[in-house]
Amino acid sequence: MTTTRRLCRSGASCQPTTLKEALDCLGHHGARTVRQLAASLGLHEGTLGKQLSLYDEDNYPTIRQVVALTLASGSDALLDYFAEASGGLFVRVPPADATGAQLGASVREYGEMLQVHAAMLEDGLVTPDEWDRFAREADQAMAAIQALKISVQARVVLPVAERRAS
């Protein structure tokens, strides 16, 4: 885990391995200070500072505060930690628009393919049925990505000179 705001904000990821490390990263390495976060949540700065401190194992924010902190901070530290702790990966997608649903579908299909892949390789042997299921999931993931690609391609704006020629 990085130990300073400068390191964390320079692109070196905190990579927390405990909940307290994730809280510390959110509160002490993010774009907003503990004082700013406390003010936005209506909390006393000292109280929030203790809850986010890596060195205070007796104080934690409530689940409501965790949600509010995540939204107010704009930090993905807790989301990344929770996803990794539960065997997943957090991927932020842009706000929904015409391609937002397709983007979400492609990420979901890819994740499902990875789950089938992991289960298939668990015993080191791949049966024909496991291969068929994996191939189906891979095809669905590729189809979702292709649909996203086509949707984005439809939005390509040609330069003015090319528009006149067509």
C-alpha atoms as a PDB file:
ATOM      1  CA  MET A   1       0.000   0.000   0.000  1.00  0.00           C
ATOM      2  CA  THR A   2       1.281   3.480  -0.754  1.00  0.00           C
ATOM      3  CA  THR A   3       1.822   5.548   2.336  1.00  0.00           C
ATOM      4  CA  THR A   4       1.420   9.136   1.172  1.00  0.00           C
ATOM      5  CA  ARG A   5      -1.138  11.235  -0.676  1.00  0.00           C
ATOM      6  CA  ARG A   6       1.556  12.250  -3.184  1.00  0.00           C
ATOM      7  CA  LEU A   7       2.376   8.619  -4.082  1.00  0.00           C
ATOM      8  CA  CYS A   8      -1.258   7.568  -4.259  1.00  0.00           C
ATOM      9  CA  ARG A   9      -2.343  10.529  -6.400  1.00  0.00           C
ATOM     10  CA  SER A  10       0.701  10.187  -8.663  1.00  0.00           C
ATOM     11  CA  GLY A  11      -0.773   7.061 -10.186  1.00  0.00           C
ATOM     12  CA  ALA A  12       0.772   4.556  -7.786  1.00  0.00           C
ATOM     13  CA  SER A  13      -2.246   2.586  -6.623  1.00  0.00           C
ATOM     14  CA  CYS A  14      -2.859   2.115  -2.892  1.00  0.00           C
ATOM     15  CA  GLN A  15      -3.711  -1.576  -3.374  1.00  0.00           C
ATOM     16  CA  PRO A  16      -5.224  -2.005   0.101  1.00  0.00           C
ATOM     17  CA  THR A  17      -5.342  -5.534   1.513  1.00  0.00           C
ATOM     18  CA  THR A  18      -7.525  -4.775   4.548  1.00  0.00           C
ATOM     19  CA  LEU A  19     -10.674  -2.759   5.094  1.00  0.00           C
ATOM     20  CA  LYS A  20      -8.748  -0.284   7.259  1.00  0.00           C
ATOM     21  CA  GLU A  21      -6.170   0.224   4.499  1.00  0.00           C
ATOM     22  CA  ALA A  22      -8.988   0.896   2.011  1.00  0.00           C
ATOM     23  CA  LEU A  23     -10.610   3.407   4.395  1.00  0.00           C
ATOM     24  CA  ASP A  24      -7.245   5.066   5.009  1.00  0.00           C
ATOM     25  CA  CYS A  25      -6.628   5.342   1.269  1.00  0.00           C
ATOM     26  CA  LEU A  26     -10.064   6.868   0.692  1.00  0.00           C
ATOM     27  CA  GLY A  27      -9.647   9.404   3.481  1.00  0.00           C
ATOM     28  CA  HIS A  28      -6.013  10.319   3.278  1.00  0.00           C
ATOM     29  CA  HIS A  29      -4.928   9.828  -0.318  1.00  0.00           C
ATOM     30  CA  GLY A  30      -7.984  10.914  -2.288  1.00  0.00           C
ATOM     31  CA  ALA A  31      -8.828  14.169  -3.987  1.00  0.00           C
ATOM     32  CA  ARG A  32     -10.785  15.406  -0.948  1.00  0.00           C
ATOM     33  CA  THR A  33      -9.388  15.832   2.540  1.00  0.00           C
ATOM     34  CA  VAL A  34     -10.878  14.300   5.682  1.00  0.00           C
ATOM     35  CA  ARG A  35     -12.068  17.794   6.628  1.00  0.00           C
ATOM     36  CA  GLN A  36     -13.919  18.162   3.309  1.00  0.00           C
ATOM     37  CA  LEU A  37     -15.408  14.682   3.533  1.00  0.00           C
ATOM     38  CA  ALA A  38     -16.531  15.242   7.141  1.00  0.00           C
ATOM     39  CA  ALA A  39     -18.198  18.518   6.187  1.00  0.00           C
ATOM     40  CA  SER A  40     -20.038  16.907   3.264  1.00  0.00           C
ATOM     41  CA  LEU A  41     -21.316  14.107   5.544  1.00  0.00           C
ATOM     42  CA  GLY A  42     -22.132  16.381   8.485  1.00  0.00           C
ATOM     43  CA  LEU A  43     -19.611  14.647  10.742  1.00  0.00           C
ATOM     44  CA  HIS A  44     -16.979  15.988  13.093  1.00  0.00           C
ATOM     45  CA  GLU A  45     -13.560  15.873  11.426  1.00  0.00           C
ATOM     46  CA  GLY A  46     -11.952  14.107  14.397  1.00  0.00           C
ATOM     47  CA  THR A  47     -14.577  11.372  14.430  1.00  0.00           C
ATOM     48  CA  LEU A  48     -14.230  10.694  10.725  1.00  0.00           C
ATOM     49  CA  GLY A  49     -10.446  10.882  10.980  1.00  0.00           C
ATOM     50  CA  LYS A  50     -10.486   8.090  13.591  1.00  0.00           C
ATOM     51  CA  GLN A  51     -12.875   5.984  11.498  1.00  0.00           C
ATOM     52  CA  LEU A  52     -10.610   6.278   8.456  1.00  0.00           C
ATOM     53  CA  SER A  53      -7.327   5.933  10.329  1.00  0.00           C
ATOM     54  CA  LEU A  54      -5.219   2.908   9.583  1.00  0.00           C
ATOM     55  CA  TYR A  55      -4.031   2.995  13.191  1.00  0.00           C
ATOM     56  CA  ASP A  56      -7.438   2.919  14.930  1.00  0.00           C
ATOM     57  CA  GLU A  57      -8.872  -0.605  14.725  1.00  0.00           C
ATOM     58  CA  ASP A  58     -11.717   0.224  17.141  1.00  0.00           C
ATOM     59  CA  ASN A  59     -13.513   2.819  15.018  1.00  0.00           C
ATOM     60  CA  TYR A  60     -15.231   2.147  11.698  1.00  0.00           C
ATOM     61  CA  PRO A  61     -17.807   4.120   9.725  1.00  0.00           C
ATOM     62  CA  THR A  62     -21.327   2.716   9.438  1.00  0.00           C
ATOM     63  CA  ILE A  63     -22.391   1.114   6.180  1.00  0.00           C
ATOM     64  CA  ARG A  64     -24.433   4.246   5.368  1.00  0.00           C
ATOM     65  CA  GLN A  65     -21.345   6.355   5.926  1.00  0.00           C
ATOM     66  CA  VAL A  66     -19.281   4.006   3.735  1.00  0.00           C
ATOM     67  CA  VAL A  67     -21.714   4.534   0.858  1.00  0.00           C
ATOM     68  CA  ALA A  68     -21.792   8.305   1.419  1.00  0.00           C
ATOM     69  CA  LEU A  69     -17.979   8.441   1.697  1.00  0.00           C
ATOM     70  CA  THR A  70     -17.543   6.513  -1.523  1.00  0.00           C
ATOM     71  CA  LEU A  71     -19.884   8.857  -3.369  1.00  0.00           C
ATOM     72  CA  ALA A  72     -18.522  12.048  -1.780  1.00  0.00           C
ATOM     73  CA  SER A  73     -14.866  11.146  -2.276  1.00  0.00           C
ATOM     74  CA  GLY A  74     -15.113   9.950  -5.857  1.00  0.00           C
ATOM     75  CA  SER A  75     -12.561   7.320  -4.838  1.00  0.00           C
ATOM     76  CA  ASP A  76     -12.818   3.706  -5.944  1.00  0.00           C
ATOM     77  CA  ALA A  77     -10.618   2.475  -3.064  1.00  0.00           C
ATOM     78  CA  LEU A  78     -13.440   0.798  -1.116  1.00  0.00           C
ATOM     79  CA  LEU A  79     -15.131  -0.532  -4.250  1.00  0.00           C
ATOM     80  CA  ASP A  80     -11.838  -2.023  -5.432  1.00  0.00           C
ATOM     81  CA  TYR A  81     -11.237  -3.561  -2.003  1.00  0.00           C
ATOM     82  CA  PHE A  82     -14.739  -5.069  -1.719  1.00  0.00           C
ATOM     83  CA  ALA A  83     -14.606  -6.437  -5.264  1.00  0.00           C
ATOM     84  CA  GLU A  84     -11.180  -8.013  -4.780  1.00  0.00           C
ATOM     85  CA  ALA A  85     -12.076  -9.395  -1.341  1.00  0.00           C
ATOM     86  CA  SER A  86     -15.054 -11.180  -2.901  1.00  0.00           C
ATOM     87  CA  GLY A  87     -13.114 -12.537  -5.860  1.00  0.00           C
ATOM     88  CA  GLY A  88     -14.181  -9.875  -8.319  1.00  0.00           C
ATOM     89  CA  LEU A  89     -12.935  -6.835 -10.096  1.00  0.00           C
ATOM     90  CA  PHE A  90     -14.532  -3.398  -9.959  1.00  0.00           C
ATOM     91  CA  VAL A  91     -14.773  -1.676 -13.316  1.00  0.00           C
ATOM     92  CA  ARG A  92     -16.229   1.816 -13.494  1.00  0.00           C
ATOM     93  CA  VAL A  93     -18.306   2.340 -16.611  1.00  0.00           C
ATOM     94  CA  PRO A  94     -19.316   5.710 -18.023  1.00  0.00           C
ATOM     95  CA  PRO A  95     -22.805   7.089 -17.365  1.00  0.00           C
ATOM     96  CA  ALA A  96     -25.528   5.318 -19.293  1.00  0.00           C
ATOM     97  CA  ASP A  97     -26.249   6.562 -22.777  1.00  0.00           C
ATOM     98  CA  ALA A  98     -26.971   4.733 -25.991  1.00  0.00           C
ATOM     99  CA  THR A  99     -23.781   2.675 -25.621  1.00  0.00           C
ATOM    100  CA  GLY A 100     -23.796   2.463 -21.811  1.00  0.00           C
ATOM    101  CA  ALA A 101     -26.080  -0.558 -21.699  1.00  0.00           C
ATOM    102  CA  GLN A 102     -23.973  -2.327 -24.319  1.00  0.00           C
ATOM    103  CA  LEU A 103     -20.805  -1.520 -22.415  1.00  0.00           C
ATOM    104  CA  GLY A 104     -22.297  -2.976 -19.242  1.00  0.00           C
ATOM    105  CA  ALA A 105     -23.462  -6.063 -21.125  1.00  0.00           C
ATOM    106  CA  SER A 106     -20.003  -6.657 -22.603  1.00  0.00           C
ATOM    107  CA  VAL A 107     -18.348  -6.353 -19.184  1.00  0.00           C
ATOM    108  CA  ARG A 108     -20.947  -8.695 -17.648  1.00  0.00           C
ATOM    109  CA  GLU A 109     -20.551 -11.280 -20.443  1.00  0.00           C
ATOM    110  CA  TYR A 110     -16.768 -11.155 -20.130  1.00  0.00           C
ATOM    111  CA  GLY A 111     -17.057 -11.687 -16.370  1.00  0.00           C
ATOM    112  CA  GLU A 112     -19.336 -14.676 -16.883  1.00  0.00           C
ATOM    113  CA  MET A 113     -16.840 -16.140 -19.348  1.00  0.00           C
ATOM    114  CA  LEU A 114     -14.055 -15.741 -16.786  1.00  0.00           C
ATOM    115  CA  GLN A 115     -16.137 -17.542 -14.138  1.00  0.00           C
ATOM    116  CA  VAL A 116     -16.741 -20.477 -16.494  1.00  0.00           C
ATOM    117  CA  HIS A 117     -13.023 -20.499 -17.364  1.00  0.00           C
ATOM    118  CA  ALA A 118     -11.991 -20.644 -13.714  1.00  0.00           C
ATOM    119  CA  ALA A 119     -14.456 -23.442 -12.931  1.00  0.00           C
ATOM    120  CA  MET A 120     -13.378 -25.357 -16.032  1.00  0.00           C
ATOM    121  CA  LEU A 121      -9.712 -25.328 -14.997  1.00  0.00           C
ATOM    122  CA  GLU A 122     -10.329 -26.082 -11.311  1.00  0.00           C
ATOM    123  CA  ASP A 123      -9.397 -29.765 -11.573  1.00  0.00           C
ATOM    124  CA  GLY A 124      -6.866 -29.287 -14.356  1.00  0.00           C
ATOM    125  CA  LEU A 125      -8.936 -31.270 -16.855  1.00  0.00           C
ATOM    126  CA  VAL A 126     -11.305 -29.885 -19.468  1.00  0.00           C
ATOM    127  CA  THR A 127     -14.246 -32.093 -20.403  1.00  0.00           C
ATOM    128  CA  PRO A 128     -16.109 -31.700 -23.696  1.00  0.00           C
ATOM    129  CA  ASP A 129     -19.134 -30.299 -21.818  1.00  0.00           C
ATOM    130  CA  GLU A 130     -16.941 -27.747 -20.025  1.00  0.00           C
ATOM    131  CA  TRP A 131     -15.385 -26.750 -23.338  1.00  0.00           C
ATOM    132  CA  ASP A 132     -18.824 -26.323 -24.938  1.00  0.00           C
ATOM    133  CA  ARG A 133     -20.000 -24.105 -22.070  1.00  0.00           C
ATOM    134  CA  PHE A 134     -16.822 -22.030 -22.200  1.00  0.00           C
ATOM    135  CA  ALA A 135     -17.074 -21.663 -25.995  1.00  0.00           C
ATOM    136  CA  ARG A 136     -20.708 -20.465 -25.649  1.00  0.00           C
ATOM    137  CA  GLU A 137     -19.741 -17.916 -22.990  1.00  0.00           C
ATOM    138  CA  ALA A 138     -16.779 -16.724 -25.085  1.00  0.00           C
ATOM    139  CA  ASP A 139     -19.039 -16.335 -28.128  1.00  0.00           C
ATOM    140  CA  GLN A 140     -21.565 -14.357 -26.074  1.00  0.00           C
ATOM    141  CA  ALA A 141     -18.806 -12.086 -24.733  1.00  0.00           C
ATOM    142  CA  MET A 142     -17.431 -11.486 -28.222  1.00  0.00           C
ATOM    143  CA  ALA A 143     -20.949 -10.797 -29.556  1.00  0.00           C
ATOM    144  CA  ALA A 144     -21.528  -8.223 -26.806  1.00  0.00           C
ATOM    145  CA  ILE A 145     -18.207  -6.533 -27.577  1.00  0.00           C
ATOM    146  CA  GLN A 146     -19.005  -6.568 -31.304  1.00  0.00           C
ATOM    147  CA  ALA A 147     -22.408  -4.950 -30.623  1.00  0.00           C
ATOM    148  CA  LEU A 148     -20.656  -2.234 -28.619  1.00  0.00           C
ATOM    149  CA  LYS A 149     -18.139  -1.721 -31.417  1.00  0.00           C
ATOM    150  CA  ILE A 150     -20.908  -1.341 -34.015  1.00  0.00           C
ATOM    151  CA  SER A 151     -22.803   1.087 -31.787  1.00  0.00           C
ATOM    152  CA  VAL A 152     -19.724   3.263 -31.329  1.00  0.00           C
ATOM    153  CA  GLN A 153     -18.848   3.034 -35.014  1.00  0.00           C
ATOM    154  CA  ALA A 154     -22.311   4.366 -35.870  1.00  0.00           C
ATOM    155  CA  ARG A 155     -21.406   7.518 -33.946  1.00  0.00           C
ATOM    156  CA  VAL A 156     -18.254   8.250 -35.924  1.00  0.00           C
ATOM    157  CA  VAL A 157     -18.425  11.739 -37.380  1.00  0.00           C
ATOM    158  CA  LEU A 158     -16.680  12.152 -40.699  1.00  0.00           C
ATOM    159  CA  PRO A 159     -14.641  15.290 -41.385  1.00  0.00           C
ATOM    160  CA  VAL A 160     -16.603  17.943 -43.280  1.00  0.00           C
ATOM    161  CA  ALA A 161     -14.798  17.267 -46.591  1.00  0.00           C
ATOM    162  CA  GLU A 162     -15.702  13.568 -46.454  1.00  0.00           C
ATOM    163  CA  ARG A 163     -19.329  14.328 -45.565  1.00  0.00           C
ATOM    164  CA  ARG A 164     -19.683  16.525 -48.653  1.00  0.00           C
ATOM    165  CA  ALA A 165     -18.267  13.783 -50.884  1.00  0.00           C
ATOM    166  CA  SER A 166     -20.731  11.175 -49.660  1.00  0.00           C
END
